[in-house]
Amino acid sequence: MAVTVTVEYYYNTYHGAAFDDIATILQRAQDVIDNIISCEPLGSYQTEHYMKAVCAQAEYIGNAGGTASWSAASSGASFTIGSFSMSGVSGTGAGSLTSTAACALSQGYLESAGLMCRGVAMSAPGRELI
């Protein structure tokens, strides 16, 4: 992807929440967003919404406890940190990434900019191809 979201953009333009490992979180968030968009952003409107989607996803990952905790939760695993416990729900099929990994705010930014992939989930329950 030609667009890279920097730590400076995350803090100074998006005004995201502070996390110790924000550079790593931003890289993971960008990977998630790059895997669900339908095309590379074109023009300033799409680029801005793409960057906001990455930042929203980064904040979502950070609030979930960082990349390790978020990965465990989005893969269907359960984890506990102190008195906090979380159980993830694992999705199935080609379309499951958008429902289990990307947060709703990220998806909203991508949708409004026409960047959201609208592929058909090949093996989603109840959606068998005829």
N, C-alpha and C. Protein backbone atom coordinates (compact mmCIF):
# COMPACT_ATOMS: atom_id res chain seq x y z
N MET A 1 0.84 -1.18 0.00
CA MET A 1 0.00 0.00 0.00
C MET A 1 0.89 1.24 0.00
N ALA A 2 0.54 2.19 -0.81
CA ALA A 2 1.33 3.41 -0.94
C ALA A 2 1.14 4.36 0.25
N VAL A 3 0.01 4.26 0.94
CA VAL A 3 -0.28 5.13 2.07
C VAL A 3 0.15 4.43 3.36
N THR A 4 0.90 5.15 4.20
CA THR A 4 1.30 4.62 5.49
C THR A 4 0.84 5.58 6.57
N VAL A 5 0.18 5.06 7.58
CA VAL A 5 -0.29 5.88 8.69
C VAL A 5 0.82 5.94 9.73
N THR A 6 1.24 7.14 10.06
CA THR A 6 2.34 7.34 11.00
C THR A 6 1.82 7.55 12.42
N VAL A 7 2.71 7.38 13.38
CA VAL A 7 2.38 7.65 14.77
C VAL A 7 2.00 9.12 14.94
N GLU A 8 2.69 10.00 14.23
CA GLU A 8 2.40 11.43 14.30
C GLU A 8 0.98 11.73 13.81
N TYR A 9 0.57 11.09 12.70
CA TYR A 9 -0.79 11.28 12.20
C TYR A 9 -1.79 10.77 13.23
N TYR A 10 -1.54 9.60 13.78
CA TYR A 10 -2.45 8.99 14.76
C TYR A 10 -2.68 9.93 15.94
N TYR A 11 -1.61 10.48 16.49
CA TYR A 11 -1.75 11.35 17.66
C TYR A 11 -2.16 12.77 17.31
N ASN A 12 -1.55 13.39 16.30
CA ASN A 12 -1.75 14.81 16.03
C ASN A 12 -2.95 15.14 15.16
N THR A 13 -3.34 14.26 14.26
CA THR A 13 -4.47 14.53 13.38
C THR A 13 -5.70 13.75 13.82
N TYR A 14 -5.56 12.46 14.05
CA TYR A 14 -6.68 11.63 14.47
C TYR A 14 -7.00 11.83 15.95
N HIS A 15 -6.00 12.22 16.74
CA HIS A 15 -6.12 12.42 18.18
C HIS A 15 -6.50 11.11 18.89
N GLY A 16 -5.78 10.05 18.54
CA GLY A 16 -6.03 8.73 19.10
C GLY A 16 -5.55 8.60 20.53
N ALA A 17 -6.07 7.60 21.20
CA ALA A 17 -5.67 7.30 22.58
C ALA A 17 -4.22 6.83 22.62
N ALA A 18 -3.57 7.08 23.74
CA ALA A 18 -2.16 6.73 23.89
C ALA A 18 -1.99 5.25 24.28
N PHE A 19 -1.08 4.57 23.59
CA PHE A 19 -0.71 3.19 23.89
C PHE A 19 0.80 3.07 23.81
N ASP A 20 1.39 2.24 24.66
CA ASP A 20 2.84 2.09 24.69
C ASP A 20 3.42 1.59 23.37
N ASP A 21 2.78 0.65 22.74
CA ASP A 21 3.31 0.04 21.52
C ASP A 21 2.53 0.47 20.27
N ILE A 22 2.24 1.77 20.17
CA ILE A 22 1.38 2.27 19.10
C ILE A 22 1.94 2.00 17.70
N ALA A 23 3.25 2.03 17.52
CA ALA A 23 3.82 1.77 16.19
C ALA A 23 3.48 0.36 15.74
N THR A 24 3.60 -0.61 16.64
CA THR A 24 3.26 -2.00 16.32
C THR A 24 1.76 -2.14 16.08
N ILE A 25 0.97 -1.51 16.92
CA ILE A 25 -0.48 -1.57 16.78
C ILE A 25 -0.91 -0.97 15.44
N LEU A 26 -0.32 0.14 15.05
CA LEU A 26 -0.65 0.76 13.76
C LEU A 26 -0.30 -0.15 12.59
N GLN A 27 0.83 -0.83 12.67
CA GLN A 27 1.20 -1.77 11.60
C GLN A 27 0.18 -2.89 11.49
N ARG A 28 -0.24 -3.46 12.62
CA ARG A 28 -1.22 -4.54 12.60
C ARG A 28 -2.56 -4.03 12.08
N ALA A 29 -2.95 -2.84 12.52
CA ALA A 29 -4.22 -2.26 12.06
C ALA A 29 -4.19 -2.03 10.55
N GLN A 30 -3.08 -1.55 10.04
CA GLN A 30 -2.97 -1.32 8.60
C GLN A 30 -3.05 -2.64 7.84
N ASP A 31 -2.46 -3.70 8.37
CA ASP A 31 -2.57 -5.02 7.75
C ASP A 31 -4.03 -5.47 7.67
N VAL A 32 -4.77 -5.27 8.76
CA VAL A 32 -6.18 -5.66 8.78
C VAL A 32 -6.96 -4.88 7.73
N ILE A 33 -6.77 -3.58 7.69
CA ILE A 33 -7.51 -2.73 6.75
C ILE A 33 -7.11 -3.05 5.31
N ASP A 34 -5.82 -3.26 5.06
CA ASP A 34 -5.37 -3.59 3.71
C ASP A 34 -5.98 -4.90 3.21
N ASN A 35 -6.29 -5.80 4.13
CA ASN A 35 -6.87 -7.09 3.74
C ASN A 35 -8.37 -7.03 3.47
N ILE A 36 -9.03 -5.96 3.84
CA ILE A 36 -10.47 -5.90 3.60
C ILE A 36 -10.89 -4.82 2.61
N ILE A 37 -9.96 -4.00 2.15
CA ILE A 37 -10.37 -2.99 1.18
C ILE A 37 -10.40 -3.58 -0.22
N SER A 38 -11.22 -2.97 -1.07
CA SER A 38 -11.40 -3.49 -2.41
C SER A 38 -10.41 -2.92 -3.41
N CYS A 39 -9.82 -1.76 -3.09
CA CYS A 39 -8.84 -1.13 -3.99
C CYS A 39 -7.99 -0.16 -3.19
N GLU A 40 -6.92 0.27 -3.80
CA GLU A 40 -6.07 1.26 -3.16
C GLU A 40 -6.78 2.61 -3.17
N PRO A 41 -6.67 3.40 -2.07
CA PRO A 41 -7.35 4.68 -2.04
C PRO A 41 -6.88 5.62 -3.15
N LEU A 42 -7.82 6.29 -3.78
CA LEU A 42 -7.52 7.26 -4.82
C LEU A 42 -8.07 8.61 -4.40
N GLY A 43 -7.29 9.64 -4.49
CA GLY A 43 -7.74 10.98 -4.14
C GLY A 43 -7.70 11.22 -2.63
N SER A 44 -7.88 12.49 -2.28
CA SER A 44 -7.73 12.88 -0.88
C SER A 44 -8.85 12.36 0.01
N TYR A 45 -10.09 12.28 -0.48
CA TYR A 45 -11.20 11.80 0.33
C TYR A 45 -11.01 10.33 0.73
N GLN A 46 -10.73 9.49 -0.24
CA GLN A 46 -10.51 8.07 0.05
C GLN A 46 -9.27 7.87 0.92
N THR A 47 -8.21 8.60 0.64
CA THR A 47 -6.99 8.47 1.43
C THR A 47 -7.23 8.86 2.88
N GLU A 48 -7.94 9.97 3.10
CA GLU A 48 -8.23 10.41 4.46
C GLU A 48 -9.08 9.39 5.21
N HIS A 49 -10.08 8.83 4.55
CA HIS A 49 -10.93 7.83 5.20
C HIS A 49 -10.19 6.52 5.44
N TYR A 50 -9.30 6.17 4.54
CA TYR A 50 -8.45 4.99 4.74
C TYR A 50 -7.60 5.18 5.99
N MET A 51 -6.97 6.35 6.12
CA MET A 51 -6.11 6.62 7.27
C MET A 51 -6.91 6.64 8.57
N LYS A 52 -8.13 7.20 8.53
CA LYS A 52 -8.99 7.18 9.71
C LYS A 52 -9.39 5.75 10.07
N ALA A 53 -9.64 4.92 9.07
CA ALA A 53 -9.99 3.52 9.32
C ALA A 53 -8.85 2.80 10.01
N VAL A 54 -7.62 3.04 9.56
CA VAL A 54 -6.45 2.42 10.20
C VAL A 54 -6.33 2.90 11.64
N CYS A 55 -6.52 4.18 11.87
CA CYS A 55 -6.42 4.72 13.23
C CYS A 55 -7.52 4.17 14.13
N ALA A 56 -8.74 4.08 13.62
CA ALA A 56 -9.84 3.52 14.41
C ALA A 56 -9.55 2.07 14.76
N GLN A 57 -9.01 1.32 13.79
CA GLN A 57 -8.67 -0.08 14.04
C GLN A 57 -7.54 -0.18 15.07
N ALA A 58 -6.57 0.72 14.99
CA ALA A 58 -5.47 0.73 15.95
C ALA A 58 -5.98 1.00 17.36
N GLU A 59 -6.88 1.94 17.49
CA GLU A 59 -7.45 2.26 18.79
C GLU A 59 -8.25 1.07 19.33
N TYR A 60 -8.96 0.40 18.45
CA TYR A 60 -9.72 -0.80 18.82
C TYR A 60 -8.79 -1.90 19.33
N ILE A 61 -7.70 -2.11 18.61
CA ILE A 61 -6.71 -3.12 19.03
C ILE A 61 -6.07 -2.73 20.36
N GLY A 62 -5.70 -1.45 20.50
CA GLY A 62 -5.11 -0.98 21.75
C GLY A 62 -6.05 -1.13 22.92
N ASN A 63 -7.31 -0.79 22.72
CA ASN A 63 -8.30 -0.92 23.80
C ASN A 63 -8.59 -2.37 24.15
N ALA A 64 -8.32 -3.28 23.22
CA ALA A 64 -8.51 -4.71 23.48
C ALA A 64 -7.32 -5.31 24.21
N GLY A 65 -6.32 -4.49 24.51
CA GLY A 65 -5.17 -4.98 25.27
C GLY A 65 -3.90 -5.11 24.45
N GLY A 66 -3.91 -4.65 23.21
CA GLY A 66 -2.73 -4.73 22.36
C GLY A 66 -2.86 -5.85 21.34
N THR A 67 -1.84 -6.02 20.52
CA THR A 67 -1.93 -6.97 19.42
C THR A 67 -2.10 -8.41 19.87
N ALA A 68 -1.41 -8.83 20.92
CA ALA A 68 -1.51 -10.23 21.36
C ALA A 68 -2.91 -10.54 21.88
N SER A 69 -3.45 -9.68 22.73
CA SER A 69 -4.78 -9.90 23.29
C SER A 69 -5.84 -9.83 22.20
N TRP A 70 -5.73 -8.86 21.30
CA TRP A 70 -6.70 -8.70 20.22
C TRP A 70 -6.66 -9.90 19.28
N SER A 71 -5.47 -10.38 18.95
CA SER A 71 -5.36 -11.55 18.07
C SER A 71 -6.02 -12.77 18.70
N ALA A 72 -5.80 -12.95 19.99
CA ALA A 72 -6.41 -14.08 20.68
C ALA A 72 -7.93 -13.95 20.69
N ALA A 73 -8.43 -12.75 20.93
CA ALA A 73 -9.88 -12.54 20.98
C ALA A 73 -10.52 -12.72 19.60
N SER A 74 -9.87 -12.22 18.55
CA SER A 74 -10.47 -12.31 17.22
C SER A 74 -10.32 -13.69 16.62
N SER A 75 -9.49 -14.53 17.22
CA SER A 75 -9.35 -15.89 16.71
C SER A 75 -10.26 -16.87 17.43
N GLY A 76 -11.05 -16.37 18.36
CA GLY A 76 -11.98 -17.24 19.06
C GLY A 76 -11.47 -17.72 20.40
N ALA A 77 -10.25 -17.35 20.77
CA ALA A 77 -9.69 -17.77 22.04
C ALA A 77 -10.24 -16.91 23.17
N SER A 78 -10.07 -17.36 24.37
CA SER A 78 -10.47 -16.60 25.55
C SER A 78 -9.22 -16.19 26.30
N PHE A 79 -9.30 -15.06 27.01
CA PHE A 79 -8.16 -14.64 27.82
C PHE A 79 -8.65 -13.88 29.02
N THR A 80 -7.78 -13.78 30.03
CA THR A 80 -8.08 -13.06 31.25
C THR A 80 -6.89 -12.21 31.62
N ILE A 81 -7.16 -10.95 31.97
CA ILE A 81 -6.14 -10.03 32.46
C ILE A 81 -6.67 -9.50 33.78
N GLY A 82 -6.08 -9.92 34.88
CA GLY A 82 -6.59 -9.54 36.19
C GLY A 82 -8.00 -10.06 36.37
N SER A 83 -8.93 -9.15 36.67
CA SER A 83 -10.32 -9.56 36.84
C SER A 83 -11.11 -9.44 35.54
N PHE A 84 -10.48 -8.97 34.46
CA PHE A 84 -11.14 -8.83 33.17
C PHE A 84 -11.00 -10.11 32.36
N SER A 85 -12.10 -10.60 31.82
CA SER A 85 -12.09 -11.81 31.02
C SER A 85 -12.82 -11.55 29.72
N MET A 86 -12.31 -12.13 28.63
CA MET A 86 -12.93 -11.92 27.33
C MET A 86 -12.91 -13.21 26.54
N SER A 87 -14.02 -13.49 25.88
CA SER A 87 -14.11 -14.66 25.00
C SER A 87 -14.40 -14.17 23.60
N GLY A 88 -13.62 -14.62 22.64
CA GLY A 88 -13.83 -14.24 21.26
C GLY A 88 -14.73 -15.23 20.56
N VAL A 89 -15.34 -14.77 19.47
CA VAL A 89 -16.17 -15.63 18.65
C VAL A 89 -15.48 -15.75 17.31
N SER A 90 -15.15 -16.94 16.94
CA SER A 90 -14.42 -17.16 15.69
C SER A 90 -15.39 -17.19 14.52
N GLY A 91 -15.06 -16.43 13.48
CA GLY A 91 -15.88 -16.45 12.27
C GLY A 91 -15.41 -17.54 11.34
N THR A 92 -16.22 -17.85 10.34
CA THR A 92 -15.83 -18.85 9.35
C THR A 92 -16.04 -18.28 7.97
N GLY A 93 -15.31 -18.80 7.04
CA GLY A 93 -15.49 -18.40 5.65
C GLY A 93 -14.65 -17.22 5.25
N ALA A 94 -14.68 -16.93 3.97
CA ALA A 94 -13.85 -15.87 3.41
C ALA A 94 -14.25 -14.50 3.92
N GLY A 95 -15.50 -14.30 4.27
CA GLY A 95 -15.96 -13.00 4.73
C GLY A 95 -15.84 -12.79 6.21
N SER A 96 -15.31 -13.73 6.95
CA SER A 96 -15.31 -13.63 8.40
C SER A 96 -14.37 -12.56 8.92
N LEU A 97 -13.33 -12.20 8.20
CA LEU A 97 -12.39 -11.19 8.68
C LEU A 97 -13.10 -9.89 8.96
N THR A 98 -14.01 -9.48 8.09
CA THR A 98 -14.69 -8.21 8.30
C THR A 98 -15.60 -8.25 9.50
N SER A 99 -16.12 -9.41 9.88
CA SER A 99 -17.03 -9.45 11.01
C SER A 99 -16.32 -9.70 12.33
N THR A 100 -15.14 -10.27 12.34
CA THR A 100 -14.48 -10.57 13.60
C THR A 100 -13.23 -9.75 13.84
N ALA A 101 -12.57 -9.25 12.84
CA ALA A 101 -11.30 -8.57 13.04
C ALA A 101 -11.40 -7.06 12.94
N ALA A 102 -12.13 -6.54 11.99
CA ALA A 102 -12.20 -5.09 11.79
C ALA A 102 -13.35 -4.51 12.62
N CYS A 103 -13.08 -3.43 13.31
CA CYS A 103 -14.12 -2.81 14.13
C CYS A 103 -15.14 -2.08 13.26
N ALA A 104 -16.28 -1.81 13.83
CA ALA A 104 -17.38 -1.17 13.10
C ALA A 104 -17.01 0.23 12.63
N LEU A 105 -16.26 0.98 13.43
CA LEU A 105 -15.88 2.33 13.03
C LEU A 105 -14.97 2.30 11.81
N SER A 106 -14.01 1.38 11.78
CA SER A 106 -13.14 1.23 10.61
C SER A 106 -13.96 0.89 9.38
N GLN A 107 -14.86 -0.06 9.53
CA GLN A 107 -15.70 -0.46 8.41
C GLN A 107 -16.55 0.72 7.92
N GLY A 108 -17.02 1.55 8.84
CA GLY A 108 -17.80 2.73 8.45
C GLY A 108 -16.99 3.72 7.63
N TYR A 109 -15.76 3.98 8.05
CA TYR A 109 -14.89 4.88 7.27
C TYR A 109 -14.66 4.33 5.86
N LEU A 110 -14.39 3.04 5.77
CA LEU A 110 -14.13 2.42 4.46
C LEU A 110 -15.38 2.41 3.60
N GLU A 111 -16.51 2.10 4.19
CA GLU A 111 -17.78 2.06 3.47
C GLU A 111 -18.12 3.43 2.88
N SER A 112 -17.97 4.48 3.68
CA SER A 112 -18.33 5.82 3.21
C SER A 112 -17.42 6.32 2.10
N ALA A 113 -16.22 5.75 2.00
CA ALA A 113 -15.28 6.16 0.95
C ALA A 113 -15.30 5.21 -0.24
N GLY A 114 -16.18 4.20 -0.20
CA GLY A 114 -16.27 3.25 -1.31
C GLY A 114 -15.09 2.29 -1.37
N LEU A 115 -14.46 2.03 -0.24
CA LEU A 115 -13.28 1.16 -0.21
C LEU A 115 -13.56 -0.23 0.34
N MET A 116 -14.73 -0.44 0.90
CA MET A 116 -15.05 -1.72 1.53
C MET A 116 -15.24 -2.80 0.49
N CYS A 117 -14.55 -3.92 0.69
CA CYS A 117 -14.68 -5.05 -0.21
C CYS A 117 -16.07 -5.65 -0.06
N ARG A 118 -16.72 -5.93 -1.16
CA ARG A 118 -18.07 -6.50 -1.12
C ARG A 118 -18.07 -7.91 -1.67
N GLY A 119 -16.99 -8.64 -1.41
CA GLY A 119 -16.89 -10.01 -1.89
C GLY A 119 -17.90 -10.92 -1.22
N VAL A 120 -18.20 -12.03 -1.85
CA VAL A 120 -19.13 -13.01 -1.32
C VAL A 120 -18.37 -14.01 -0.47
N ALA A 121 -18.85 -14.26 0.72
CA ALA A 121 -18.24 -15.27 1.58
C ALA A 121 -18.56 -16.64 0.99
N MET A 122 -17.55 -17.42 0.68
CA MET A 122 -17.75 -18.69 0.00
C MET A 122 -18.33 -19.76 0.91
N SER A 123 -18.01 -19.74 2.19
CA SER A 123 -18.47 -20.83 3.04
C SER A 123 -19.15 -20.32 4.31
N ALA A 124 -19.72 -19.13 4.24
CA ALA A 124 -20.41 -18.62 5.41
C ALA A 124 -21.66 -19.45 5.68
N PRO A 125 -21.92 -19.75 6.95
CA PRO A 125 -23.10 -20.56 7.28
C PRO A 125 -24.38 -19.94 6.74
N GLY A 126 -25.20 -20.75 6.11
CA GLY A 126 -26.46 -20.27 5.58
C GLY A 126 -26.36 -19.58 4.23
N ARG A 127 -25.14 -19.49 3.68
CA ARG A 127 -24.94 -18.81 2.40
C ARG A 127 -24.23 -19.73 1.42
N GLU A 128 -24.69 -20.90 1.29
CA GLU A 128 -24.08 -21.85 0.37
C GLU A 128 -24.33 -21.39 -1.07
N LEU A 129 -23.33 -21.53 -1.89
CA LEU A 129 -23.48 -21.17 -3.30
C LEU A 129 -24.31 -22.22 -4.02
N ILE A 130 -25.17 -21.78 -4.88
CA ILE A 130 -26.04 -22.71 -5.61
C ILE A 130 -25.46 -22.97 -6.99
